[in-house]
All heavy atoms as atom14 arrays in JSON, in Angstrom:
{
  "sequence": "AGQGRGSGDGSTIADSDAFGSPDGLWADPDGR",
  "atom14_mask": [
    [1, 1, 1, 1, 1, 0, 0, 0, 0, 0, 0, 0, 0, 0],
    [1, 1, 1, 1, 0, 0, 0, 0, 0, 0, 0, 0, 0, 0],
    [1, 1, 1, 1, 1, 1, 1, 1, 1, 0, 0, 0, 0, 0],
    [1, 1, 1, 1, 0, 0, 0, 0, 0, 0, 0, 0, 0, 0],
    [1, 1, 1, 1, 1, 1, 1, 1, 1, 1, 1, 0, 0, 0],
    [1, 1, 1, 1, 0, 0, 0, 0, 0, 0, 0, 0, 0, 0],
    [1, 1, 1, 1, 1, 1, 0, 0, 0, 0, 0, 0, 0, 0],
    [1, 1, 1, 1, 0, 0, 0, 0, 0, 0, 0, 0, 0, 0],
    [1, 1, 1, 1, 1, 1, 1, 1, 0, 0, 0, 0, 0, 0],
    [1, 1, 1, 1, 0, 0, 0, 0, 0, 0, 0, 0, 0, 0],
    [1, 1, 1, 1, 1, 1, 0, 0, 0, 0, 0, 0, 0, 0],
    [1, 1, 1, 1, 1, 1, 1, 0, 0, 0, 0, 0, 0, 0],
    [1, 1, 1, 1, 1, 1, 1, 1, 0, 0, 0, 0, 0, 0],
    [1, 1, 1, 1, 1, 0, 0, 0, 0, 0, 0, 0, 0, 0],
    [1, 1, 1, 1, 1, 1, 1, 1, 0, 0, 0, 0, 0, 0],
    [1, 1, 1, 1, 1, 1, 0, 0, 0, 0, 0, 0, 0, 0],
    [1, 1, 1, 1, 1, 1, 1, 1, 0, 0, 0, 0, 0, 0],
    [1, 1, 1, 1, 1, 0, 0, 0, 0, 0, 0, 0, 0, 0],
    [1, 1, 1, 1, 1, 1, 1, 1, 1, 1, 1, 0, 0, 0],
    [1, 1, 1, 1, 0, 0, 0, 0, 0, 0, 0, 0, 0, 0],
    [1, 1, 1, 1, 1, 1, 0, 0, 0, 0, 0, 0, 0, 0],
    [1, 1, 1, 1, 1, 1, 1, 0, 0, 0, 0, 0, 0, 0],
    [1, 1, 1, 1, 1, 1, 1, 1, 0, 0, 0, 0, 0, 0],
    [1, 1, 1, 1, 0, 0, 0, 0, 0, 0, 0, 0, 0, 0],
    [1, 1, 1, 1, 1, 1, 1, 1, 0, 0, 0, 0, 0, 0],
    [1, 1, 1, 1, 1, 1, 1, 1, 1, 1, 1, 1, 1, 1],
    [1, 1, 1, 1, 1, 0, 0, 0, 0, 0, 0, 0, 0, 0],
    [1, 1, 1, 1, 1, 1, 1, 1, 0, 0, 0, 0, 0, 0],
    [1, 1, 1, 1, 1, 1, 1, 0, 0, 0, 0, 0, 0, 0],
    [1, 1, 1, 1, 1, 1, 1, 1, 0, 0, 0, 0, 0, 0],
    [1, 1, 1, 1, 0, 0, 0, 0, 0, 0, 0, 0, 0, 0],
    [1, 1, 1, 1, 1, 1, 1, 1, 1, 1, 1, 0, 0, 0]
  ],
  "atom14_positions": [
    [[0.83, -1.21, 0.0], [0.0, 0.0, 0.0], [0.86, 1.26, 0.0], [2.06, 1.22, 0.24], [-0.93, -0.01, 1.21], [0.0, 0.0, 0.0], [0.0, 0.0, 0.0], [0.0, 0.0, 0.0], [0.0, 0.0, 0.0], [0.0, 0.0, 0.0], [0.0, 0.0, 0.0], [0.0, 0.0, 0.0], [0.0, 0.0, 0.0], [0.0, 0.0, 0.0]],
    [[0.2, 2.38, -0.26], [0.9, 3.66, -0.27], [0.23, 4.64, -1.21], [-0.95, 4.51, -1.56], [0.0, 0.0, 0.0], [0.0, 0.0, 0.0], [0.0, 0.0, 0.0], [0.0, 0.0, 0.0], [0.0, 0.0, 0.0], [0.0, 0.0, 0.0], [0.0, 0.0, 0.0], [0.0, 0.0, 0.0], [0.0, 0.0, 0.0], [0.0, 0.0, 0.0]],
    [[1.01, 5.61, -1.64], [0.48, 6.69, -2.47], [0.43, 6.33, -3.95], [0.01, 7.14, -4.77], [1.32, 7.95, -2.26], [1.34, 8.41, -0.81], [2.39, 9.45, -0.54], [2.13, 10.65, -0.59], [3.6, 9.0, -0.25], [0.0, 0.0, 0.0], [0.0, 0.0, 0.0], [0.0, 0.0, 0.0], [0.0, 0.0, 0.0], [0.0, 0.0, 0.0]],
    [[0.86, 5.12, -4.29], [0.85, 4.66, -5.67], [2.25, 4.52, -6.23], [3.21, 5.1, -5.73], [0.0, 0.0, 0.0], [0.0, 0.0, 0.0], [0.0, 0.0, 0.0], [0.0, 0.0, 0.0], [0.0, 0.0, 0.0], [0.0, 0.0, 0.0], [0.0, 0.0, 0.0], [0.0, 0.0, 0.0], [0.0, 0.0, 0.0], [0.0, 0.0, 0.0]],
    [[2.35, 3.72, -7.29], [3.67, 3.44, -7.86], [4.42, 4.69, -8.27], [5.65, 4.76, -8.19], [3.52, 2.52, -9.07], [3.19, 1.08, -8.73], [3.24, 0.19, -9.95], [2.18, 0.48, -10.9], [1.01, -0.13, -10.93], [0.74, -1.08, -10.06], [0.11, 0.19, -11.85], [0.0, 0.0, 0.0], [0.0, 0.0, 0.0], [0.0, 0.0, 0.0]],
    [[3.69, 5.71, -8.71], [4.35, 6.93, -9.17], [4.96, 7.76, -8.06], [5.73, 8.69, -8.33], [0.0, 0.0, 0.0], [0.0, 0.0, 0.0], [0.0, 0.0, 0.0], [0.0, 0.0, 0.0], [0.0, 0.0, 0.0], [0.0, 0.0, 0.0], [0.0, 0.0, 0.0], [0.0, 0.0, 0.0], [0.0, 0.0, 0.0], [0.0, 0.0, 0.0]],
    [[4.64, 7.46, -6.81], [5.13, 8.27, -5.69], [6.53, 7.91, -5.26], [7.19, 8.68, -4.56], [4.19, 8.11, -4.49], [4.29, 6.79, -3.95], [0.0, 0.0, 0.0], [0.0, 0.0, 0.0], [0.0, 0.0, 0.0], [0.0, 0.0, 0.0], [0.0, 0.0, 0.0], [0.0, 0.0, 0.0], [0.0, 0.0, 0.0], [0.0, 0.0, 0.0]],
    [[6.99, 6.7, -5.62], [8.31, 6.26, -5.21], [8.39, 5.78, -3.77], [9.48, 5.65, -3.22], [0.0, 0.0, 0.0], [0.0, 0.0, 0.0], [0.0, 0.0, 0.0], [0.0, 0.0, 0.0], [0.0, 0.0, 0.0], [0.0, 0.0, 0.0], [0.0, 0.0, 0.0], [0.0, 0.0, 0.0], [0.0, 0.0, 0.0], [0.0, 0.0, 0.0]],
    [[7.22, 5.52, -3.16], [7.23, 5.09, -1.76], [7.28, 3.57, -1.61], [7.13, 3.04, -0.51], [6.03, 5.66, -1.01], [4.68, 5.15, -1.53], [4.68, 4.32, -2.46], [3.63, 5.62, -1.03], [0.0, 0.0, 0.0], [0.0, 0.0, 0.0], [0.0, 0.0, 0.0], [0.0, 0.0, 0.0], [0.0, 0.0, 0.0], [0.0, 0.0, 0.0]],
    [[7.46, 2.87, -2.73], [7.55, 1.42, -2.68], [6.23, 0.7, -2.86], [6.2, -0.54, -2.85], [0.0, 0.0, 0.0], [0.0, 0.0, 0.0], [0.0, 0.0, 0.0], [0.0, 0.0, 0.0], [0.0, 0.0, 0.0], [0.0, 0.0, 0.0], [0.0, 0.0, 0.0], [0.0, 0.0, 0.0], [0.0, 0.0, 0.0], [0.0, 0.0, 0.0]],
    [[5.14, 1.44, -3.02], [3.84, 0.8, -3.19], [3.74, 0.15, -4.56], [4.38, 0.58, -5.52], [2.71, 1.8, -2.97], [2.84, 2.91, -3.81], [0.0, 0.0, 0.0], [0.0, 0.0, 0.0], [0.0, 0.0, 0.0], [0.0, 0.0, 0.0], [0.0, 0.0, 0.0], [0.0, 0.0, 0.0], [0.0, 0.0, 0.0], [0.0, 0.0, 0.0]],
    [[2.89, -0.87, -4.66], [2.75, -1.61, -5.92], [1.42, -1.33, -6.6], [1.15, -1.89, -7.66], [2.86, -3.12, -5.66], [1.81, -3.53, -4.76], [4.21, -3.48, -5.06], [0.0, 0.0, 0.0], [0.0, 0.0, 0.0], [0.0, 0.0, 0.0], [0.0, 0.0, 0.0], [0.0, 0.0, 0.0], [0.0, 0.0, 0.0], [0.0, 0.0, 0.0]],
    [[0.58, -0.49, -6.01], [-0.74, -0.21, -6.57], [-0.71, 1.02, -7.46], [0.21, 1.84, -7.4], [-1.77, -0.01, -5.45], [-1.31, 1.09, -4.48], [-2.01, -1.32, -4.7], [-2.28, 1.39, -3.36], [0.0, 0.0, 0.0], [0.0, 0.0, 0.0], [0.0, 0.0, 0.0], [0.0, 0.0, 0.0], [0.0, 0.0, 0.0], [0.0, 0.0, 0.0]],
    [[-1.74, 1.16, -8.29], [-1.85, 2.34, -9.16], [-2.1, 3.58, -8.31], [-2.68, 3.52, -7.23], [-3.01, 2.15, -10.14], [0.0, 0.0, 0.0], [0.0, 0.0, 0.0], [0.0, 0.0, 0.0], [0.0, 0.0, 0.0], [0.0, 0.0, 0.0], [0.0, 0.0, 0.0], [0.0, 0.0, 0.0], [0.0, 0.0, 0.0], [0.0, 0.0, 0.0]],
    [[-1.65, 4.73, -8.81], [-1.8, 5.98, -8.07], [-3.27, 6.27, -7.75], [-3.58, 6.81, -6.69], [-1.21, 7.15, -8.88], [0.3, 7.04, -9.05], [0.88, 6.03, -8.61], [0.9, 7.98, -9.61], [0.0, 0.0, 0.0], [0.0, 0.0, 0.0], [0.0, 0.0, 0.0], [0.0, 0.0, 0.0], [0.0, 0.0, 0.0], [0.0, 0.0, 0.0]],
    [[-4.17, 5.93, -8.67], [-5.59, 6.21, -8.47], [-6.21, 5.36, -7.36], [-7.29, 5.69, -6.85], [-6.36, 5.96, -9.77], [-6.2, 4.61, -10.19], [0.0, 0.0, 0.0], [0.0, 0.0, 0.0], [0.0, 0.0, 0.0], [0.0, 0.0, 0.0], [0.0, 0.0, 0.0], [0.0, 0.0, 0.0], [0.0, 0.0, 0.0], [0.0, 0.0, 0.0]],
    [[-5.53, 4.28, -6.97], [-6.04, 3.39, -5.93], [-5.34, 3.6, -4.59], [-5.41, 2.74, -3.71], [-5.86, 1.93, -6.35], [-6.51, 1.63, -7.68], [-7.59, 2.18, -7.94], [-5.93, 0.85, -8.47], [0.0, 0.0, 0.0], [0.0, 0.0, 0.0], [0.0, 0.0, 0.0], [0.0, 0.0, 0.0], [0.0, 0.0, 0.0], [0.0, 0.0, 0.0]],
    [[-4.68, 4.73, -4.43], [-3.84, 4.97, -3.25], [-4.6, 4.76, -1.95], [-5.74, 5.2, -1.79], [-3.29, 6.4, -3.31], [0.0, 0.0, 0.0], [0.0, 0.0, 0.0], [0.0, 0.0, 0.0], [0.0, 0.0, 0.0], [0.0, 0.0, 0.0], [0.0, 0.0, 0.0], [0.0, 0.0, 0.0], [0.0, 0.0, 0.0], [0.0, 0.0, 0.0]],
    [[-3.98, 4.04, -1.04], [-4.52, 3.87, 0.3], [-3.4, 3.44, 1.23], [-2.34, 2.98, 0.79], [-5.67, 2.85, 0.34], [-5.24, 1.41, 0.18], [-4.98, 0.61, 1.28], [-5.1, 0.84, -1.09], [-4.6, -0.72, 1.14], [-4.72, -0.48, -1.24], [-4.47, -1.27, -0.13], [0.0, 0.0, 0.0], [0.0, 0.0, 0.0], [0.0, 0.0, 0.0]],
    [[-3.63, 3.59, 2.52], [-2.65, 3.18, 3.51], [-3.29, 2.48, 4.68], [-4.52, 2.51, 4.87], [0.0, 0.0, 0.0], [0.0, 0.0, 0.0], [0.0, 0.0, 0.0], [0.0, 0.0, 0.0], [0.0, 0.0, 0.0], [0.0, 0.0, 0.0], [0.0, 0.0, 0.0], [0.0, 0.0, 0.0], [0.0, 0.0, 0.0], [0.0, 0.0, 0.0]],
    [[-2.47, 1.84, 5.49], [-2.89, 1.19, 6.73], [-4.03, 0.2, 6.53], [-5.11, 0.33, 7.13], [-3.27, 2.24, 7.77], [-2.2, 3.11, 8.03], [0.0, 0.0, 0.0], [0.0, 0.0, 0.0], [0.0, 0.0, 0.0], [0.0, 0.0, 0.0], [0.0, 0.0, 0.0], [0.0, 0.0, 0.0], [0.0, 0.0, 0.0], [0.0, 0.0, 0.0]],
    [[-3.87, -0.83, 5.67], [-4.91, -1.85, 5.55], [-5.14, -2.55, 6.88], [-4.19, -2.88, 7.59], [-4.34, -2.81, 4.5], [-2.85, -2.62, 4.57], [-2.66, -1.17, 4.9], [0.0, 0.0, 0.0], [0.0, 0.0, 0.0], [0.0, 0.0, 0.0], [0.0, 0.0, 0.0], [0.0, 0.0, 0.0], [0.0, 0.0, 0.0], [0.0, 0.0, 0.0]],
    [[-6.4, -2.75, 7.21], [-6.75, -3.32, 8.51], [-7.82, -4.38, 8.32], [-7.54, -5.56, 8.23], [-7.23, -2.18, 9.42], [-7.43, -2.62, 10.87], [-7.54, -3.81, 11.13], [-7.48, -1.73, 11.75], [0.0, 0.0, 0.0], [0.0, 0.0, 0.0], [0.0, 0.0, 0.0], [0.0, 0.0, 0.0], [0.0, 0.0, 0.0], [0.0, 0.0, 0.0]],
    [[-9.1, -3.96, 8.19], [-10.18, -4.92, 7.98], [-10.04, -5.65, 6.66], [-9.57, -5.08, 5.67], [0.0, 0.0, 0.0], [0.0, 0.0, 0.0], [0.0, 0.0, 0.0], [0.0, 0.0, 0.0], [0.0, 0.0, 0.0], [0.0, 0.0, 0.0], [0.0, 0.0, 0.0], [0.0, 0.0, 0.0], [0.0, 0.0, 0.0], [0.0, 0.0, 0.0]],
    [[-10.47, -6.91, 6.63], [-10.32, -7.73, 5.42], [-11.41, -8.79, 5.4], [-11.68, -9.44, 6.41], [-8.94, -8.4, 5.43], [-8.45, -9.03, 4.14], [-8.18, -7.98, 3.07], [-7.17, -9.84, 4.39], [0.0, 0.0, 0.0], [0.0, 0.0, 0.0], [0.0, 0.0, 0.0], [0.0, 0.0, 0.0], [0.0, 0.0, 0.0], [0.0, 0.0, 0.0]],
    [[-12.04, -8.94, 4.23], [-13.07, -9.97, 4.09], [-13.13, -10.43, 2.64], [-13.16, -9.61, 1.72], [-14.43, -9.43, 4.52], [-15.56, -10.41, 4.35], [-15.67, -11.65, 4.9], [-16.76, -10.21, 3.58], [-16.86, -12.24, 4.52], [-17.55, -11.38, 3.72], [-17.25, -9.16, 2.8], [-18.79, -11.53, 3.1], [-18.49, -9.31, 2.18], [-19.25, -10.48, 2.34]],
    [[-13.15, -11.75, 2.44], [-13.35, -12.32, 1.11], [-14.81, -12.72, 1.0], [-15.3, -13.54, 1.78], [-12.45, -13.53, 0.9], [0.0, 0.0, 0.0], [0.0, 0.0, 0.0], [0.0, 0.0, 0.0], [0.0, 0.0, 0.0], [0.0, 0.0, 0.0], [0.0, 0.0, 0.0], [0.0, 0.0, 0.0], [0.0, 0.0, 0.0], [0.0, 0.0, 0.0]],
    [[-15.53, -12.13, 0.03], [-16.94, -12.46, -0.11], [-17.1, -13.8, -0.84], [-16.11, -14.39, -1.3], [-17.73, -11.31, -0.75], [-17.46, -11.11, -2.24], [-16.98, -12.05, -2.92], [-17.74, -10.01, -2.75], [0.0, 0.0, 0.0], [0.0, 0.0, 0.0], [0.0, 0.0, 0.0], [0.0, 0.0, 0.0], [0.0, 0.0, 0.0], [0.0, 0.0, 0.0]],
    [[-18.31, -14.33, -0.96], [-18.49, -15.66, -1.56], [-18.0, -15.79, -3.0], [-17.71, -16.9, -3.45], [-20.01, -15.88, -1.48], [-20.43, -15.07, -0.3], [-19.57, -13.84, -0.36], [0.0, 0.0, 0.0], [0.0, 0.0, 0.0], [0.0, 0.0, 0.0], [0.0, 0.0, 0.0], [0.0, 0.0, 0.0], [0.0, 0.0, 0.0], [0.0, 0.0, 0.0]],
    [[-17.89, -14.66, -3.72], [-17.4, -14.7, -5.1], [-15.89, -14.55, -5.19], [-15.32, -14.68, -6.28], [-18.06, -13.6, -5.93], [-19.55, -13.81, -6.08], [-19.99, -14.97, -6.1], [-20.29, -12.79, -6.17], [0.0, 0.0, 0.0], [0.0, 0.0, 0.0], [0.0, 0.0, 0.0], [0.0, 0.0, 0.0], [0.0, 0.0, 0.0], [0.0, 0.0, 0.0]],
    [[-15.23, -14.22, -4.09], [-13.78, -14.06, -4.09], [-13.3, -12.63, -4.16], [-12.1, -12.39, -4.26], [0.0, 0.0, 0.0], [0.0, 0.0, 0.0], [0.0, 0.0, 0.0], [0.0, 0.0, 0.0], [0.0, 0.0, 0.0], [0.0, 0.0, 0.0], [0.0, 0.0, 0.0], [0.0, 0.0, 0.0], [0.0, 0.0, 0.0], [0.0, 0.0, 0.0]],
    [[-14.21, -11.65, -4.1], [-13.76, -10.26, -3.97], [-13.12, -10.1, -2.6], [-13.64, -10.57, -1.59], [-14.93, -9.27, -4.1], [-15.62, -9.27, -5.44], [-16.79, -8.29, -5.44], [-17.65, -8.58, -6.59], [-18.61, -9.49, -6.61], [-18.86, -10.2, -5.52], [-19.32, -9.71, -7.7], [0.0, 0.0, 0.0], [0.0, 0.0, 0.0], [0.0, 0.0, 0.0]]
  ]
}
């Protein structure tokens, strides 16, 4: 996680999907 690949902070996600501090997590019945 982080500010996005373009930020240089080591994150692997796209800049538009930027987020930090993942905590809650749930896989729904379809696999989302």
